[in-house]
Amino acid sequence: MILDSLDHAREYTAIGPGIARALQLLCEGEVIKRPVGRYEFDGDRLFMMMQEYHTRLRADGFWEAHRRYIDLQFVVSGMELMGRADIASLVTSKPYDSSKDVEIFDGAGDFVHVPASSFIIFYPHDAHMPCIAEHETSAVRKLVFKIAVD
């Protein structure tokens, strides 16, 4: 997992071409103005989903992980807590669904504050619990880049 502000995005471009392209798109700024929906930049290898929602209580959250994609999540407005745990420390509660590229887990992990203009990168070994309210539910606008694992 990587958590940082968009001000430091250029420091992470050497990680890989998909992450570099997603960070470039974020820095250019046009993508954060798009309406809710899915946008492809390299077919299924790099796409983005713009989302708007209200955060939920931690008790209503769940741990998820993906095998085919790295998630790069950027909070456009609002703030949420996001949890992270290594999948090796969790117990599968719903087996991997290849059609949705998701496995659901039970267990515990650590939570971080992710304010507006911050991005977080979750790799396949990072189970994550996004969309969590700090105290009360609140509105969030966020985009999620799905970057194919090479």
C-alpha atoms as a PDB file:
ATOM      1  CA  MET A   1       0.000   0.000   0.000  1.00  0.00           C
ATOM      2  CA  ILE A   2       1.132   3.524  -0.793  1.00  0.00           C
ATOM      3  CA  LEU A   3      -0.592   6.648   0.571  1.00  0.00           C
ATOM      4  CA  ASP A   4       0.444  10.143  -0.468  1.00  0.00           C
ATOM      5  CA  SER A   5      -0.821  13.472  -1.765  1.00  0.00           C
ATOM      6  CA  LEU A   6      -1.071  14.361  -5.420  1.00  0.00           C
ATOM      7  CA  ASP A   7       1.748  16.886  -4.840  1.00  0.00           C
ATOM      8  CA  HIS A   8       4.160  13.926  -4.682  1.00  0.00           C
ATOM      9  CA  ALA A   9       2.667  11.816  -7.481  1.00  0.00           C
ATOM     10  CA  ARG A  10       5.708  12.118  -9.739  1.00  0.00           C
ATOM     11  CA  GLU A  11       7.807  10.230  -7.161  1.00  0.00           C
ATOM     12  CA  TYR A  12       5.845   7.034  -7.915  1.00  0.00           C
ATOM     13  CA  THR A  13       5.902   6.963 -11.724  1.00  0.00           C
ATOM     14  CA  ALA A  14       8.875   4.562 -11.847  1.00  0.00           C
ATOM     15  CA  ILE A  15       6.810   1.803 -10.196  1.00  0.00           C
ATOM     16  CA  GLY A  16       5.286   0.760 -13.505  1.00  0.00           C
ATOM     17  CA  PRO A  17       3.786   2.108 -16.724  1.00  0.00           C
ATOM     18  CA  GLY A  18       0.132   1.661 -15.659  1.00  0.00           C
ATOM     19  CA  ILE A  19       0.634   3.498 -12.390  1.00  0.00           C
ATOM     20  CA  ALA A  20       2.667   6.179 -14.182  1.00  0.00           C
ATOM     21  CA  ARG A  21      -0.145   6.718 -16.711  1.00  0.00           C
ATOM     22  CA  ALA A  22      -2.839   6.895 -14.005  1.00  0.00           C
ATOM     23  CA  LEU A  23      -0.802   9.421 -12.012  1.00  0.00           C
ATOM     24  CA  GLN A  24      -0.147  11.454 -15.164  1.00  0.00           C
ATOM     25  CA  LEU A  25      -3.893  11.595 -15.861  1.00  0.00           C
ATOM     26  CA  LEU A  26      -4.518  12.719 -12.272  1.00  0.00           C
ATOM     27  CA  CYS A  27      -1.875  15.439 -12.464  1.00  0.00           C
ATOM     28  CA  GLU A  28      -3.301  16.755 -15.739  1.00  0.00           C
ATOM     29  CA  GLY A  29      -6.558  17.263 -13.828  1.00  0.00           C
ATOM     30  CA  GLU A  30      -9.180  16.646 -16.521  1.00  0.00           C
ATOM     31  CA  VAL A  31     -10.216  13.229 -15.182  1.00  0.00           C
ATOM     32  CA  ILE A  32     -11.308  14.603 -11.804  1.00  0.00           C
ATOM     33  CA  LYS A  33     -13.965  16.742 -13.534  1.00  0.00           C
ATOM     34  CA  ARG A  34     -15.686  13.837 -15.279  1.00  0.00           C
ATOM     35  CA  PRO A  35     -19.169  12.729 -14.273  1.00  0.00           C
ATOM     36  CA  VAL A  36     -19.822   9.480 -12.467  1.00  0.00           C
ATOM     37  CA  GLY A  37     -19.107   6.521 -14.722  1.00  0.00           C
ATOM     38  CA  ARG A  38     -16.467   4.238 -16.194  1.00  0.00           C
ATOM     39  CA  TYR A  39     -13.745   5.492 -18.537  1.00  0.00           C
ATOM     40  CA  GLU A  40     -11.243   3.374 -20.461  1.00  0.00           C
ATOM     41  CA  PHE A  41      -7.727   4.573 -21.242  1.00  0.00           C
ATOM     42  CA  ASP A  42      -6.196   1.278 -22.385  1.00  0.00           C
ATOM     43  CA  GLY A  43      -9.192  -1.048 -22.611  1.00  0.00           C
ATOM     44  CA  ASP A  44      -9.308  -3.466 -19.685  1.00  0.00           C
ATOM     45  CA  ARG A  45      -5.627  -2.803 -18.897  1.00  0.00           C
ATOM     46  CA  LEU A  46      -6.278   0.694 -17.506  1.00  0.00           C
ATOM     47  CA  PHE A  47      -9.674   2.123 -16.730  1.00  0.00           C
ATOM     48  CA  MET A  48     -11.212   4.453 -14.200  1.00  0.00           C
ATOM     49  CA  MET A  49     -14.485   4.626 -12.306  1.00  0.00           C
ATOM     50  CA  MET A  50     -15.693   7.972 -10.983  1.00  0.00           C
ATOM     51  CA  GLN A  51     -17.849   7.444  -7.904  1.00  0.00           C
ATOM     52  CA  GLU A  52     -19.983   9.548  -5.574  1.00  0.00           C
ATOM     53  CA  TYR A  53     -21.361   8.062  -2.364  1.00  0.00           C
ATOM     54  CA  HIS A  54     -21.757   8.494   1.367  1.00  0.00           C
ATOM     55  CA  THR A  55     -19.240   6.767   3.607  1.00  0.00           C
ATOM     56  CA  ARG A  56     -20.489   3.913   5.764  1.00  0.00           C
ATOM     57  CA  LEU A  57     -19.868   2.799   9.310  1.00  0.00           C
ATOM     58  CA  ARG A  58     -16.962   0.409   9.854  1.00  0.00           C
ATOM     59  CA  ALA A  59     -19.402  -2.293  10.994  1.00  0.00           C
ATOM     60  CA  ASP A  60     -20.962  -2.161   7.498  1.00  0.00           C
ATOM     61  CA  GLY A  61     -17.639  -2.412   5.685  1.00  0.00           C
ATOM     62  CA  PHE A  62     -15.856  -5.496   4.371  1.00  0.00           C
ATOM     63  CA  TRP A  63     -12.348  -6.504   3.365  1.00  0.00           C
ATOM     64  CA  GLU A  64     -11.813  -7.055  -0.352  1.00  0.00           C
ATOM     65  CA  ALA A  65      -8.843  -7.885  -2.565  1.00  0.00           C
ATOM     66  CA  HIS A  66      -8.284  -8.217  -6.303  1.00  0.00           C
ATOM     67  CA  ARG A  67      -6.004 -10.525  -8.258  1.00  0.00           C
ATOM     68  CA  ARG A  68      -6.015  -9.027 -11.764  1.00  0.00           C
ATOM     69  CA  TYR A  69      -5.866  -5.331 -10.849  1.00  0.00           C
ATOM     70  CA  ILE A  70      -4.008  -2.841  -8.708  1.00  0.00           C
ATOM     71  CA  ASP A  71      -6.336  -0.167  -7.300  1.00  0.00           C
ATOM     72  CA  LEU A  72      -5.235   3.460  -7.356  1.00  0.00           C
ATOM     73  CA  GLN A  73      -7.904   5.397  -5.456  1.00  0.00           C
ATOM     74  CA  PHE A  74      -7.960   9.209  -5.414  1.00  0.00           C
ATOM     75  CA  VAL A  75     -10.277  11.198  -3.161  1.00  0.00           C
ATOM     76  CA  VAL A  76     -11.499  14.202  -5.155  1.00  0.00           C
ATOM     77  CA  SER A  77     -13.622  15.678  -2.359  1.00  0.00           C
ATOM     78  CA  GLY A  78     -14.545  14.657   1.146  1.00  0.00           C
ATOM     79  CA  MET A  79     -12.578  12.329   3.410  1.00  0.00           C
ATOM     80  CA  GLU A  80     -12.800   8.688   4.281  1.00  0.00           C
ATOM     81  CA  LEU A  81     -11.031   6.049   6.268  1.00  0.00           C
ATOM     82  CA  MET A  82      -9.553   3.147   4.354  1.00  0.00           C
ATOM     83  CA  GLY A  83      -8.436  -0.083   5.928  1.00  0.00           C
ATOM     84  CA  ARG A  84      -5.535  -2.253   4.828  1.00  0.00           C
ATOM     85  CA  ALA A  85      -4.523  -5.777   5.835  1.00  0.00           C
ATOM     86  CA  ASP A  86      -2.294  -8.389   4.234  1.00  0.00           C
ATOM     87  CA  ILE A  87      -4.526 -11.111   2.802  1.00  0.00           C
ATOM     88  CA  ALA A  88      -2.348 -13.709   4.538  1.00  0.00           C
ATOM     89  CA  SER A  89      -3.628 -12.434   7.903  1.00  0.00           C
ATOM     90  CA  LEU A  90      -7.327 -12.710   6.962  1.00  0.00           C
ATOM     91  CA  VAL A  91      -9.838 -15.516   6.472  1.00  0.00           C
ATOM     92  CA  THR A  92     -11.783 -15.826   3.211  1.00  0.00           C
ATOM     93  CA  SER A  93     -15.512 -15.301   3.753  1.00  0.00           C
ATOM     94  CA  LYS A  94     -16.478 -15.289   0.037  1.00  0.00           C
ATOM     95  CA  PRO A  95     -14.239 -17.161  -2.394  1.00  0.00           C
ATOM     96  CA  TYR A  96     -12.639 -15.371  -5.303  1.00  0.00           C
ATOM     97  CA  ASP A  97     -15.118 -14.421  -8.032  1.00  0.00           C
ATOM     98  CA  SER A  98     -13.143 -14.132 -11.279  1.00  0.00           C
ATOM     99  CA  SER A  99     -16.006 -12.375 -13.093  1.00  0.00           C
ATOM    100  CA  LYS A 100     -15.809  -9.503 -10.564  1.00  0.00           C
ATOM    101  CA  ASP A 101     -12.109  -9.927  -9.673  1.00  0.00           C
ATOM    102  CA  VAL A 102     -12.877  -9.850  -5.950  1.00  0.00           C
ATOM    103  CA  GLU A 103     -12.403 -12.007  -2.883  1.00  0.00           C
ATOM    104  CA  ILE A 104     -14.036 -11.025   0.426  1.00  0.00           C
ATOM    105  CA  PHE A 105     -12.372 -11.571   3.795  1.00  0.00           C
ATOM    106  CA  ASP A 106     -12.991 -11.419   7.542  1.00  0.00           C
ATOM    107  CA  GLY A 107     -10.423 -10.173  10.007  1.00  0.00           C
ATOM    108  CA  ALA A 108      -8.762  -7.036  11.277  1.00  0.00           C
ATOM    109  CA  GLY A 109      -6.425  -4.437   9.833  1.00  0.00           C
ATOM    110  CA  ASP A 110      -5.207  -0.884  10.162  1.00  0.00           C
ATOM    111  CA  PHE A 111      -7.067   2.236   9.046  1.00  0.00           C
ATOM    112  CA  VAL A 112      -5.731   5.500   7.630  1.00  0.00           C
ATOM    113  CA  HIS A 113      -7.336   8.880   6.948  1.00  0.00           C
ATOM    114  CA  VAL A 114      -7.482   9.625   3.239  1.00  0.00           C
ATOM    115  CA  PRO A 115      -8.363  13.294   2.686  1.00  0.00           C
ATOM    116  CA  ALA A 116      -9.159  15.079  -0.577  1.00  0.00           C
ATOM    117  CA  SER A 117      -6.233  15.310  -3.026  1.00  0.00           C
ATOM    118  CA  SER A 118      -4.716  12.108  -1.654  1.00  0.00           C
ATOM    119  CA  PHE A 119      -4.223   8.826  -3.449  1.00  0.00           C
ATOM    120  CA  ILE A 120      -3.750   5.322  -2.160  1.00  0.00           C
ATOM    121  CA  ILE A 121      -2.486   2.308  -4.075  1.00  0.00           C
ATOM    122  CA  PHE A 122      -3.548  -1.217  -3.152  1.00  0.00           C
ATOM    123  CA  TYR A 123      -1.725  -4.214  -4.604  1.00  0.00           C
ATOM    124  CA  PRO A 124      -3.215  -7.731  -4.908  1.00  0.00           C
ATOM    125  CA  HIS A 125      -1.830  -8.747  -1.486  1.00  0.00           C
ATOM    126  CA  ASP A 126      -3.483  -5.688   0.125  1.00  0.00           C
ATOM    127  CA  ALA A 127      -6.980  -6.437   1.307  1.00  0.00           C
ATOM    128  CA  HIS A 128      -8.706  -3.098   1.695  1.00  0.00           C
ATOM    129  CA  MET A 129     -11.847  -1.674   3.232  1.00  0.00           C
ATOM    130  CA  PRO A 130     -12.648   1.661   1.565  1.00  0.00           C
ATOM    131  CA  CYS A 131     -15.590   4.053   1.999  1.00  0.00           C
ATOM    132  CA  ILE A 132     -15.512   4.119   5.808  1.00  0.00           C
ATOM    133  CA  ALA A 133     -16.769   7.090   7.841  1.00  0.00           C
ATOM    134  CA  GLU A 134     -14.520   8.589  10.468  1.00  0.00           C
ATOM    135  CA  HIS A 135     -17.357   9.515  12.866  1.00  0.00           C
ATOM    136  CA  GLU A 136     -20.469  10.262  10.828  1.00  0.00           C
ATOM    137  CA  THR A 137     -21.286   9.337   7.266  1.00  0.00           C
ATOM    138  CA  SER A 138     -20.358  12.017   4.750  1.00  0.00           C
ATOM    139  CA  ALA A 139     -20.319  12.633   1.003  1.00  0.00           C
ATOM    140  CA  VAL A 140     -17.246  11.578  -0.977  1.00  0.00           C
ATOM    141  CA  ARG A 141     -16.313  11.950  -4.621  1.00  0.00           C
ATOM    142  CA  LYS A 142     -13.581   9.507  -5.569  1.00  0.00           C
ATOM    143  CA  LEU A 143     -12.077   7.971  -8.641  1.00  0.00           C
ATOM    144  CA  VAL A 144     -10.630   4.484  -8.763  1.00  0.00           C
ATOM    145  CA  PHE A 145      -8.127   3.504 -11.422  1.00  0.00           C
ATOM    146  CA  LYS A 146      -7.956  -0.226 -12.148  1.00  0.00           C
ATOM    147  CA  ILE A 147      -4.464  -1.060 -13.377  1.00  0.00           C
ATOM    148  CA  ALA A 148      -3.837  -4.533 -14.814  1.00  0.00           C
ATOM    149  CA  VAL A 149      -1.192  -6.570 -13.047  1.00  0.00           C
ATOM    150  CA  ASP A 150       1.540  -7.396 -15.555  1.00  0.00           C
END
